[in-house]
């Protein structure tokens, strides 16, 4: 007997064999039409397709790079070849300058962004959980976050000198307000039914914050940290270009003075690799600490 839903919508139910396998996974059927998994809206994608498309994307970037390098004038190289960039990267690694600069920049981001995330979690959960905290803290935060952090560099240099402190606090100020507000939005998304059920079972405010709101918000908090980490590296670049004697951005500035474009490209690739590794690590951490929230 025909499925009533199929008669109403003009499609055949899955039991009658209307879903055909495409690429090893079921295709999405809409009114008798089978959509390929590459074109379906929010349809699952097989692992081999993900790998193939990822390789294709990287390959397109390499092709554009090679074409741009081949069109340059040999007397004034503006875009180095991938081979020249690799040689520059290998030279910096063998000389030890790459590791020194990488470690200096990594320490600054680790300390500064770590402080920013810690402040963002504490204040963000307070704002997202208590209307009184939101009324007290959101107006000054909304005002302060529109002051460009880079405009505070002269003040930081006057207040904190030329050591590591102004660089670290520039990262903190440049990212903390976004971490706070985005974490507050994550905390606000905790279902009210969960809070009411917790009160019904006799839980107090501290217990609800510790056992309900924070665990439910944790995957979103990690995503907030992952998204805003790029702003932390941006603040670091600005700081190292102005006052530093080592660091990746400092080395790029030095290479620009001597028109060492191959070194500049090599260091930009290092920035990209750092960002990719950081993103993958935070994704893994989110899935590890909260597998129930894995998409």
C-alpha atoms as a PDB file:
ATOM      1  CA  UNK A   1       0.000   0.000   0.000  1.00  0.00           C
ATOM      2  CA  UNK A   2       1.330   3.454  -0.885  1.00  0.00           C
ATOM      3  CA  UNK A   3       2.598   5.698   1.857  1.00  0.00           C
ATOM      4  CA  UNK A   4       0.035   8.516   2.559  1.00  0.00           C
ATOM      5  CA  UNK A   5       2.878  11.016   2.982  1.00  0.00           C
ATOM      6  CA  UNK A   6       4.119  10.109  -0.477  1.00  0.00           C
ATOM      7  CA  UNK A   7       0.693  10.708  -1.986  1.00  0.00           C
ATOM      8  CA  UNK A   8       0.483  14.150  -0.321  1.00  0.00           C
ATOM      9  CA  UNK A   9       3.948  15.381  -1.262  1.00  0.00           C
ATOM     10  CA  UNK A  10       4.395  13.634  -4.557  1.00  0.00           C
ATOM     11  CA  UNK A  11       7.426  11.685  -3.329  1.00  0.00           C
ATOM     12  CA  UNK A  12       7.974   8.074  -2.438  1.00  0.00           C
ATOM     13  CA  UNK A  13       8.719   7.117   1.126  1.00  0.00           C
ATOM     14  CA  UNK A  14      12.184   5.798   1.998  1.00  0.00           C
ATOM     15  CA  UNK A  15      10.642   2.358   2.573  1.00  0.00           C
ATOM     16  CA  UNK A  16       9.606   2.084  -1.069  1.00  0.00           C
ATOM     17  CA  UNK A  17      13.180   2.638  -2.248  1.00  0.00           C
ATOM     18  CA  UNK A  18      12.989   6.213  -3.521  1.00  0.00           C
ATOM     19  CA  UNK A  19      16.333   7.274  -1.981  1.00  0.00           C
ATOM     20  CA  UNK A  20      19.125   6.237  -4.303  1.00  0.00           C
ATOM     21  CA  UNK A  21      22.669   5.947  -3.064  1.00  0.00           C
ATOM     22  CA  UNK A  22      25.009   8.585  -4.450  1.00  0.00           C
ATOM     23  CA  UNK A  23      28.690   8.252  -3.690  1.00  0.00           C
ATOM     24  CA  UNK A  24      28.052   5.579  -1.069  1.00  0.00           C
ATOM     25  CA  UNK A  25      25.621   7.740   0.935  1.00  0.00           C
ATOM     26  CA  UNK A  26      21.870   8.257   0.542  1.00  0.00           C
ATOM     27  CA  UNK A  27      20.918  11.141  -1.691  1.00  0.00           C
ATOM     28  CA  UNK A  28      18.347  13.721  -0.640  1.00  0.00           C
ATOM     29  CA  UNK A  29      14.981  13.382  -2.371  1.00  0.00           C
ATOM     30  CA  UNK A  30      12.676  16.384  -2.816  1.00  0.00           C
ATOM     31  CA  UNK A  31       9.425  15.942  -4.780  1.00  0.00           C
ATOM     32  CA  UNK A  32      10.779  13.095  -6.866  1.00  0.00           C
ATOM     33  CA  UNK A  33      14.171  14.714  -7.592  1.00  0.00           C
ATOM     34  CA  UNK A  34      17.337  13.220  -6.187  1.00  0.00           C
ATOM     35  CA  UNK A  35      19.929  15.817  -5.204  1.00  0.00           C
ATOM     36  CA  UNK A  36      23.599  14.942  -5.271  1.00  0.00           C
ATOM     37  CA  UNK A  37      25.258  15.216  -1.899  1.00  0.00           C
ATOM     38  CA  UNK A  38      27.574  17.935  -3.238  1.00  0.00           C
ATOM     39  CA  UNK A  39      24.604  20.188  -4.000  1.00  0.00           C
ATOM     40  CA  UNK A  40      22.204  19.329  -1.205  1.00  0.00           C
ATOM     41  CA  UNK A  41      21.583  22.023   1.404  1.00  0.00           C
ATOM     42  CA  UNK A  42      23.127  20.840   4.689  1.00  0.00           C
ATOM     43  CA  UNK A  43      23.274  17.284   3.367  1.00  0.00           C
ATOM     44  CA  UNK A  44      26.021  14.992   4.743  1.00  0.00           C
ATOM     45  CA  UNK A  45      29.207  14.749   2.713  1.00  0.00           C
ATOM     46  CA  UNK A  46      31.262  11.589   2.407  1.00  0.00           C
ATOM     47  CA  UNK A  47      34.792  11.643   3.768  1.00  0.00           C
ATOM     48  CA  UNK A  48      36.420  11.068   0.385  1.00  0.00           C
ATOM     49  CA  UNK A  49      34.555  14.062  -1.051  1.00  0.00           C
ATOM     50  CA  UNK A  50      35.788  16.238   1.808  1.00  0.00           C
ATOM     51  CA  UNK A  51      39.361  15.114   1.184  1.00  0.00           C
ATOM     52  CA  UNK A  52      39.100  15.570  -2.581  1.00  0.00           C
ATOM     53  CA  UNK A  53      37.623  19.074  -2.324  1.00  0.00           C
ATOM     54  CA  UNK A  54      40.221  20.082   0.287  1.00  0.00           C
ATOM     55  CA  UNK A  55      43.076  18.946  -1.970  1.00  0.00           C
ATOM     56  CA  UNK A  56      41.445  20.737  -4.895  1.00  0.00           C
ATOM     57  CA  UNK A  57      41.227  23.986  -2.918  1.00  0.00           C
ATOM     58  CA  UNK A  58      44.908  23.841  -1.949  1.00  0.00           C
ATOM     59  CA  UNK A  59      45.821  22.974  -5.520  1.00  0.00           C
ATOM     60  CA  UNK A  60      43.979  26.016  -6.858  1.00  0.00           C
ATOM     61  CA  UNK A  61      45.921  28.283  -4.493  1.00  0.00           C
ATOM     62  CA  UNK A  62      49.215  26.749  -5.642  1.00  0.00           C
ATOM     63  CA  UNK A  63      48.268  27.179  -9.301  1.00  0.00           C
ATOM     64  CA  UNK A  64      47.426  30.856  -8.780  1.00  0.00           C
ATOM     65  CA  UNK A  65      50.703  31.298  -6.897  1.00  0.00           C
ATOM     66  CA  UNK A  66      52.788  29.680  -9.661  1.00  0.00           C
ATOM     67  CA  UNK A  67      51.064  31.727 -12.370  1.00  0.00           C
ATOM     68  CA  UNK A  68      51.579  34.977 -10.431  1.00  0.00           C
ATOM     69  CA  UNK A  69      55.262  34.156  -9.865  1.00  0.00           C
ATOM     70  CA  UNK A  70      55.835  33.317 -13.539  1.00  0.00           C
ATOM     71  CA  UNK A  71      54.413  36.667 -14.670  1.00  0.00           C
ATOM     72  CA  UNK A  72      56.798  38.698 -12.521  1.00  0.00           C
ATOM     73  CA  UNK A  73      59.890  40.499 -13.767  1.00  0.00           C
ATOM     74  CA  UNK A  74      63.103  38.677 -12.866  1.00  0.00           C
ATOM     75  CA  UNK A  75      64.845  41.966 -12.087  1.00  0.00           C
ATOM     76  CA  UNK A  76      62.231  42.902  -9.498  1.00  0.00           C
ATOM     77  CA  UNK A  77      60.652  39.828  -7.922  1.00  0.00           C
ATOM     78  CA  UNK A  78      57.361  40.724  -6.273  1.00  0.00           C
ATOM     79  CA  UNK A  79      55.967  37.186  -6.036  1.00  0.00           C
ATOM     80  CA  UNK A  80      58.548  34.459  -5.383  1.00  0.00           C
ATOM     81  CA  UNK A  81      58.128  30.923  -6.636  1.00  0.00           C
ATOM     82  CA  UNK A  82      57.116  28.177  -4.202  1.00  0.00           C
ATOM     83  CA  UNK A  83      60.617  26.721  -4.533  1.00  0.00           C
ATOM     84  CA  UNK A  84      62.277  30.031  -3.582  1.00  0.00           C
ATOM     85  CA  UNK A  85      59.900  30.410  -0.653  1.00  0.00           C
ATOM     86  CA  UNK A  86      60.712  26.907   0.567  1.00  0.00           C
ATOM     87  CA  UNK A  87      64.458  27.611   0.337  1.00  0.00           C
ATOM     88  CA  UNK A  88      64.037  30.809   2.353  1.00  0.00           C
ATOM     89  CA  UNK A  89      62.055  28.922   4.980  1.00  0.00           C
ATOM     90  CA  UNK A  90      64.686  26.187   5.169  1.00  0.00           C
ATOM     91  CA  UNK A  91      67.491  28.774   5.488  1.00  0.00           C
ATOM     92  CA  UNK A  92      65.756  30.561   8.356  1.00  0.00           C
ATOM     93  CA  UNK A  93      65.171  27.240  10.096  1.00  0.00           C
ATOM     94  CA  UNK A  94      68.792  26.117   9.703  1.00  0.00           C
ATOM     95  CA  UNK A  95      70.049  29.486  10.982  1.00  0.00           C
ATOM     96  CA  UNK A  96      67.833  29.234  14.054  1.00  0.00           C
ATOM     97  CA  UNK A  97      66.105  32.593  13.552  1.00  0.00           C
ATOM     98  CA  UNK A  98      62.761  31.044  12.630  1.00  0.00           C
ATOM     99  CA  UNK A  99      62.499  29.029  15.827  1.00  0.00           C
ATOM    100  CA  UNK A 100      63.540  32.016  17.968  1.00  0.00           C
ATOM    101  CA  UNK A 101      60.989  34.316  16.355  1.00  0.00           C
ATOM    102  CA  UNK A 102      58.274  31.671  16.405  1.00  0.00           C
ATOM    103  CA  UNK A 103      58.754  30.949  20.105  1.00  0.00           C
ATOM    104  CA  UNK A 104      58.773  34.654  21.009  1.00  0.00           C
ATOM    105  CA  UNK A 105      55.506  35.298  19.154  1.00  0.00           C
ATOM    106  CA  UNK A 106      53.894  32.134  20.479  1.00  0.00           C
ATOM    107  CA  UNK A 107      54.669  33.071  24.081  1.00  0.00           C
ATOM    108  CA  UNK A 108      53.137  36.520  23.680  1.00  0.00           C
ATOM    109  CA  UNK A 109      49.936  35.149  22.168  1.00  0.00           C
ATOM    110  CA  UNK A 110      49.713  32.310  24.683  1.00  0.00           C
ATOM    111  CA  UNK A 111      49.960  34.648  27.678  1.00  0.00           C
ATOM    112  CA  UNK A 112      47.954  37.572  26.319  1.00  0.00           C
ATOM    113  CA  UNK A 113      45.176  35.566  24.727  1.00  0.00           C
ATOM    114  CA  UNK A 114      45.045  33.201  27.695  1.00  0.00           C
ATOM    115  CA  UNK A 115      44.351  36.176  29.980  1.00  0.00           C
ATOM    116  CA  UNK A 116      41.729  37.448  27.542  1.00  0.00           C
ATOM    117  CA  UNK A 117      39.903  34.099  27.384  1.00  0.00           C
ATOM    118  CA  UNK A 118      39.942  33.711  31.182  1.00  0.00           C
ATOM    119  CA  UNK A 119      38.454  37.176  31.671  1.00  0.00           C
ATOM    120  CA  UNK A 120      35.942  36.557  28.896  1.00  0.00           C
ATOM    121  CA  UNK A 121      34.711  33.307  30.465  1.00  0.00           C
ATOM    122  CA  UNK A 122      34.214  34.755  33.956  1.00  0.00           C
ATOM    123  CA  UNK A 123      32.593  38.048  32.988  1.00  0.00           C
ATOM    124  CA  UNK A 124      30.756  36.600  29.998  1.00  0.00           C
ATOM    125  CA  UNK A 125      29.031  33.905  32.059  1.00  0.00           C
ATOM    126  CA  UNK A 126      28.092  36.481  34.692  1.00  0.00           C
ATOM    127  CA  UNK A 127      26.553  38.763  32.060  1.00  0.00           C
ATOM    128  CA  UNK A 128      24.772  35.876  30.370  1.00  0.00           C
ATOM    129  CA  UNK A 129      23.413  34.486  33.631  1.00  0.00           C
ATOM    130  CA  UNK A 130      22.463  37.543  35.710  1.00  0.00           C
ATOM    131  CA  UNK A 131      20.438  40.478  34.406  1.00  0.00           C
ATOM    132  CA  UNK A 132      21.994  42.683  37.094  1.00  0.00           C
ATOM    133  CA  UNK A 133      25.507  41.910  35.830  1.00  0.00           C
ATOM    134  CA  UNK A 134      24.411  42.591  32.259  1.00  0.00           C
ATOM    135  CA  UNK A 135      22.930  45.966  33.239  1.00  0.00           C
ATOM    136  CA  UNK A 136      26.095  46.919  35.117  1.00  0.00           C
ATOM    137  CA  UNK A 137      28.799  45.681  32.748  1.00  0.00           C
ATOM    138  CA  UNK A 138      27.439  45.709  29.207  1.00  0.00           C
ATOM    139  CA  UNK A 139      27.243  49.533  28.802  1.00  0.00           C
ATOM    140  CA  UNK A 140      30.936  50.207  29.640  1.00  0.00           C
ATOM    141  CA  UNK A 141      32.040  47.181  27.611  1.00  0.00           C
ATOM    142  CA  UNK A 142      29.986  48.372  24.647  1.00  0.00           C
ATOM    143  CA  UNK A 143      31.740  51.735  24.922  1.00  0.00           C
ATOM    144  CA  UNK A 144      35.269  50.386  25.376  1.00  0.00           C
ATOM    145  CA  UNK A 145      35.144  47.842  22.563  1.00  0.00           C
ATOM    146  CA  UNK A 146      34.718  50.629  19.996  1.00  0.00           C
ATOM    147  CA  UNK A 147      38.018  52.209  21.017  1.00  0.00           C
ATOM    148  CA  UNK A 148      40.619  50.742  18.632  1.00  0.00           C
ATOM    149  CA  UNK A 149      43.187  48.791  20.611  1.00  0.00           C
ATOM    150  CA  UNK A 150      45.915  49.979  18.242  1.00  0.00           C
ATOM    151  CA  UNK A 151      45.173  53.579  19.276  1.00  0.00           C
ATOM    152  CA  UNK A 152      46.274  52.645  22.792  1.00  0.00           C
ATOM    153  CA  UNK A 153      49.793  51.635  21.734  1.00  0.00           C
ATOM    154  CA  UNK A 154      51.381  55.045  22.543  1.00  0.00           C
ATOM    155  CA  UNK A 155      49.800  54.929  26.007  1.00  0.00           C
ATOM    156  CA  UNK A 156      50.936  51.364  26.582  1.00  0.00           C
ATOM    157  CA  UNK A 157      54.476  52.314  25.606  1.00  0.00           C
ATOM    158  CA  UNK A 158      54.387  55.242  28.048  1.00  0.00           C
ATOM    159  CA  UNK A 159      52.847  53.236  30.871  1.00  0.00           C
ATOM    160  CA  UNK A 160      54.568  49.880  30.417  1.00  0.00           C
ATOM    161  CA  UNK A 161      57.792  50.643  28.559  1.00  0.00           C
ATOM    162  CA  UNK A 162      59.259  48.710  25.638  1.00  0.00           C
ATOM    163  CA  UNK A 163      59.422  45.264  27.214  1.00  0.00           C
ATOM    164  CA  UNK A 164      56.927  42.411  26.776  1.00  0.00           C
ATOM    165  CA  UNK A 165      54.122  43.979  28.835  1.00  0.00           C
ATOM    166  CA  UNK A 166      52.726  46.381  26.179  1.00  0.00           C
ATOM    167  CA  UNK A 167      52.644  43.608  23.574  1.00  0.00           C
ATOM    168  CA  UNK A 168      50.790  41.226  25.889  1.00  0.00           C
ATOM    169  CA  UNK A 169      48.292  43.832  27.070  1.00  0.00           C
ATOM    170  CA  UNK A 170      47.616  44.940  23.518  1.00  0.00           C
ATOM    171  CA  UNK A 171      46.534  41.374  22.762  1.00  0.00           C
ATOM    172  CA  UNK A 172      44.370  41.344  25.902  1.00  0.00           C
ATOM    173  CA  UNK A 173      42.639  44.653  25.190  1.00  0.00           C
ATOM    174  CA  UNK A 174      42.236  43.878  21.494  1.00  0.00           C
ATOM    175  CA  UNK A 175      40.331  40.632  22.112  1.00  0.00           C
ATOM    176  CA  UNK A 176      38.839  40.599  25.615  1.00  0.00           C
ATOM    177  CA  UNK A 177      35.678  42.608  24.893  1.00  0.00           C
ATOM    178  CA  UNK A 178      34.718  40.345  22.002  1.00  0.00           C
ATOM    179  CA  UNK A 179      35.379  37.260  24.120  1.00  0.00           C
ATOM    180  CA  UNK A 180      33.181  38.661  26.892  1.00  0.00           C
ATOM    181  CA  UNK A 181      30.200  39.564  24.725  1.00  0.00           C
ATOM    182  CA  UNK A 182      30.292  36.402  22.629  1.00  0.00           C
ATOM    183  CA  UNK A 183      30.629  34.221  25.733  1.00  0.00           C
ATOM    184  CA  UNK A 184      27.655  36.067  27.258  1.00  0.00           C
ATOM    185  CA  UNK A 185      25.565  35.193  24.199  1.00  0.00           C
ATOM    186  CA  UNK A 186      26.616  31.551  24.552  1.00  0.00           C
ATOM    187  CA  UNK A 187      25.585  31.535  28.237  1.00  0.00           C
ATOM    188  CA  UNK A 188      22.228  33.112  27.359  1.00  0.00           C
ATOM    189  CA  UNK A 189      21.514  30.215  24.998  1.00  0.00           C
ATOM    190  CA  UNK A 190      21.245  27.716  27.871  1.00  0.00           C
ATOM    191  CA  UNK A 191      17.605  26.522  27.772  1.00  0.00           C
ATOM    192  CA  UNK A 192      15.489  28.040  30.531  1.00  0.00           C
ATOM    193  CA  UNK A 193      13.849  24.642  31.050  1.00  0.00           C
ATOM    194  CA  UNK A 194      17.186  23.259  32.246  1.00  0.00           C
ATOM    195  CA  UNK A 195      17.512  26.058  34.795  1.00  0.00           C
ATOM    196  CA  UNK A 196      13.958  25.595  36.036  1.00  0.00           C
ATOM    197  CA  UNK A 197      14.462  21.850  36.345  1.00  0.00           C
ATOM    198  CA  UNK A 198      17.655  22.443  38.341  1.00  0.00           C
ATOM    199  CA  UNK A 199      15.852  24.775  40.739  1.00  0.00           C
ATOM    200  CA  UNK A 200      13.065  22.218  41.094  1.00  0.00           C
ATOM    201  CA  UNK A 201      15.612  19.562  42.073  1.00  0.00           C
ATOM    202  CA  UNK A 202      16.992  21.846  44.773  1.00  0.00           C
ATOM    203  CA  UNK A 203      20.146  23.192  43.119  1.00  0.00           C
ATOM    204  CA  UNK A 204      21.467  26.587  44.191  1.00  0.00           C
ATOM    205  CA  UNK A 205      22.973  29.363  42.084  1.00  0.00           C
ATOM    206  CA  UNK A 206      26.559  28.138  42.415  1.00  0.00           C
ATOM    207  CA  UNK A 207      25.585  24.594  41.537  1.00  0.00           C
ATOM    208  CA  UNK A 208      23.644  25.731  38.489  1.00  0.00           C
ATOM    209  CA  UNK A 209      26.548  27.884  37.317  1.00  0.00           C
ATOM    210  CA  UNK A 210      29.033  25.056  37.834  1.00  0.00           C
ATOM    211  CA  UNK A 211      26.971  22.030  36.791  1.00  0.00           C
ATOM    212  CA  UNK A 212      24.534  23.406  34.221  1.00  0.00           C
ATOM    213  CA  UNK A 213      25.478  26.732  32.620  1.00  0.00           C
ATOM    214  CA  UNK A 214      29.243  26.225  32.297  1.00  0.00           C
ATOM    215  CA  UNK A 215      29.140  22.645  30.913  1.00  0.00           C
ATOM    216  CA  UNK A 216      26.372  23.548  28.473  1.00  0.00           C
ATOM    217  CA  UNK A 217      28.302  26.652  27.342  1.00  0.00           C
ATOM    218  CA  UNK A 218      31.727  25.003  27.118  1.00  0.00           C
ATOM    219  CA  UNK A 219      31.641  23.976  23.422  1.00  0.00           C
ATOM    220  CA  UNK A 220      30.406  27.450  22.473  1.00  0.00           C
ATOM    221  CA  UNK A 221      33.122  29.062  24.612  1.00  0.00           C
ATOM    222  CA  UNK A 222      35.794  27.039  22.805  1.00  0.00           C
ATOM    223  CA  UNK A 223      34.333  28.129  19.460  1.00  0.00           C
ATOM    224  CA  UNK A 224      34.453  31.754  20.637  1.00  0.00           C
ATOM    225  CA  UNK A 225      38.117  31.345  21.571  1.00  0.00           C
ATOM    226  CA  UNK A 226      38.818  29.745  18.203  1.00  0.00           C
ATOM    227  CA  UNK A 227      37.157  32.540  16.244  1.00  0.00           C
ATOM    228  CA  UNK A 228      38.759  35.425  18.137  1.00  0.00           C
ATOM    229  CA  UNK A 229      42.248  33.900  18.148  1.00  0.00           C
ATOM    230  CA  UNK A 230      42.831  35.476  14.732  1.00  0.00           C
ATOM    231  CA  UNK A 231      42.325  38.916  16.321  1.00  0.00           C
ATOM    232  CA  UNK A 232      44.962  38.009  18.916  1.00  0.00           C
ATOM    233  CA  UNK A 233      47.523  37.322  16.198  1.00  0.00           C
ATOM    234  CA  UNK A 234      46.530  40.561  14.480  1.00  0.00           C
ATOM    235  CA  UNK A 235      47.235  42.519  17.659  1.00  0.00           C
ATOM    236  CA  UNK A 236      50.577  40.742  17.988  1.00  0.00           C
ATOM    237  CA  UNK A 237      51.595  41.729  14.471  1.00  0.00           C
ATOM    238  CA  UNK A 238      50.848  45.385  15.196  1.00  0.00           C
ATOM    239  CA  UNK A 239      52.813  45.281  18.444  1.00  0.00           C
ATOM    240  CA  UNK A 240      55.848  43.560  16.934  1.00  0.00           C
ATOM    241  CA  UNK A 241      55.983  45.948  14.001  1.00  0.00           C
ATOM    242  CA  UNK A 242      56.294  48.897  16.370  1.00  0.00           C
ATOM    243  CA  UNK A 243      58.459  47.752  19.245  1.00  0.00           C
ATOM    244  CA  UNK A 244      60.192  44.382  19.176  1.00  0.00           C
ATOM    245  CA  UNK A 245      63.584  42.840  18.568  1.00  0.00           C
ATOM    246  CA  UNK A 246      62.303  39.337  17.760  1.00  0.00           C
ATOM    247  CA  UNK A 247      59.109  37.714  16.571  1.00  0.00           C
ATOM    248  CA  UNK A 248      57.530  36.646  13.287  1.00  0.00           C
ATOM    249  CA  UNK A 249      56.062  40.067  12.469  1.00  0.00           C
ATOM    250  CA  UNK A 250      59.346  41.722  13.432  1.00  0.00           C
ATOM    251  CA  UNK A 251      61.166  39.403  11.010  1.00  0.00           C
ATOM    252  CA  UNK A 252      58.703  40.272   8.227  1.00  0.00           C
ATOM    253  CA  UNK A 253      59.420  43.959   8.795  1.00  0.00           C
ATOM    254  CA  UNK A 254      63.162  43.292   8.612  1.00  0.00           C
ATOM    255  CA  UNK A 255      62.743  41.304   5.392  1.00  0.00           C
ATOM    256  CA  UNK A 256      60.741  44.152   3.856  1.00  0.00           C
ATOM    257  CA  UNK A 257      63.617  46.563   4.423  1.00  0.00           C
ATOM    258  CA  UNK A 258      65.930  44.357   2.362  1.00  0.00           C
ATOM    259  CA  UNK A 259      63.240  43.443  -0.208  1.00  0.00           C
ATOM    260  CA  UNK A 260      63.546  39.765   0.747  1.00  0.00           C
ATOM    261  CA  UNK A 261      60.144  38.865  -0.637  1.00  0.00           C
ATOM    262  CA  UNK A 262      60.821  35.128  -0.432  1.00  0.00           C
ATOM    263  CA  UNK A 263      61.371  35.423   3.331  1.00  0.00           C
ATOM    264  CA  UNK A 264      58.213  37.483   3.690  1.00  0.00           C
ATOM    265  CA  UNK A 265      56.155  34.839   1.888  1.00  0.00           C
ATOM    266  CA  UNK A 266      57.755  32.096   3.972  1.00  0.00           C
ATOM    267  CA  UNK A 267      56.824  33.863   7.201  1.00  0.00           C
ATOM    268  CA  UNK A 268      53.283  34.463   5.968  1.00  0.00           C
ATOM    269  CA  UNK A 269      52.975  30.737   5.337  1.00  0.00           C
ATOM    270  CA  UNK A 270      54.181  30.147   8.901  1.00  0.00           C
ATOM    271  CA  UNK A 271      51.367  32.406  10.124  1.00  0.00           C
ATOM    272  CA  UNK A 272      48.872  30.387   8.107  1.00  0.00           C
ATOM    273  CA  UNK A 273      50.180  27.067   9.423  1.00  0.00           C
ATOM    274  CA  UNK A 274      50.000  28.328  13.012  1.00  0.00           C
ATOM    275  CA  UNK A 275      46.407  29.420  12.495  1.00  0.00           C
ATOM    276  CA  UNK A 276      45.424  26.122  10.876  1.00  0.00           C
ATOM    277  CA  UNK A 277      47.029  24.040  13.630  1.00  0.00           C
ATOM    278  CA  UNK A 278      45.428  26.201  16.333  1.00  0.00           C
ATOM    279  CA  UNK A 279      42.021  25.903  14.697  1.00  0.00           C
ATOM    280  CA  UNK A 280      42.273  22.128  14.376  1.00  0.00           C
ATOM    281  CA  UNK A 281      43.453  21.805  17.984  1.00  0.00           C
ATOM    282  CA  UNK A 282      40.548  23.851  19.341  1.00  0.00           C
ATOM    283  CA  UNK A 283      38.087  21.883  17.204  1.00  0.00           C
ATOM    284  CA  UNK A 284      39.539  18.651  18.603  1.00  0.00           C
ATOM    285  CA  UNK A 285      39.380  20.052  22.141  1.00  0.00           C
ATOM    286  CA  UNK A 286      35.711  21.024  21.697  1.00  0.00           C
ATOM    287  CA  UNK A 287      34.793  17.555  20.460  1.00  0.00           C
ATOM    288  CA  UNK A 288      36.881  15.951  23.194  1.00  0.00           C
ATOM    289  CA  UNK A 289      35.429  17.806  26.177  1.00  0.00           C
ATOM    290  CA  UNK A 290      31.849  17.834  24.866  1.00  0.00           C
ATOM    291  CA  UNK A 291      31.235  14.930  22.473  1.00  0.00           C
ATOM    292  CA  UNK A 292      27.486  15.390  22.962  1.00  0.00           C
ATOM    293  CA  UNK A 293      27.713  18.731  21.114  1.00  0.00           C
ATOM    294  CA  UNK A 294      29.587  17.356  18.130  1.00  0.00           C
ATOM    295  CA  UNK A 295      27.781  18.208  14.910  1.00  0.00           C
END
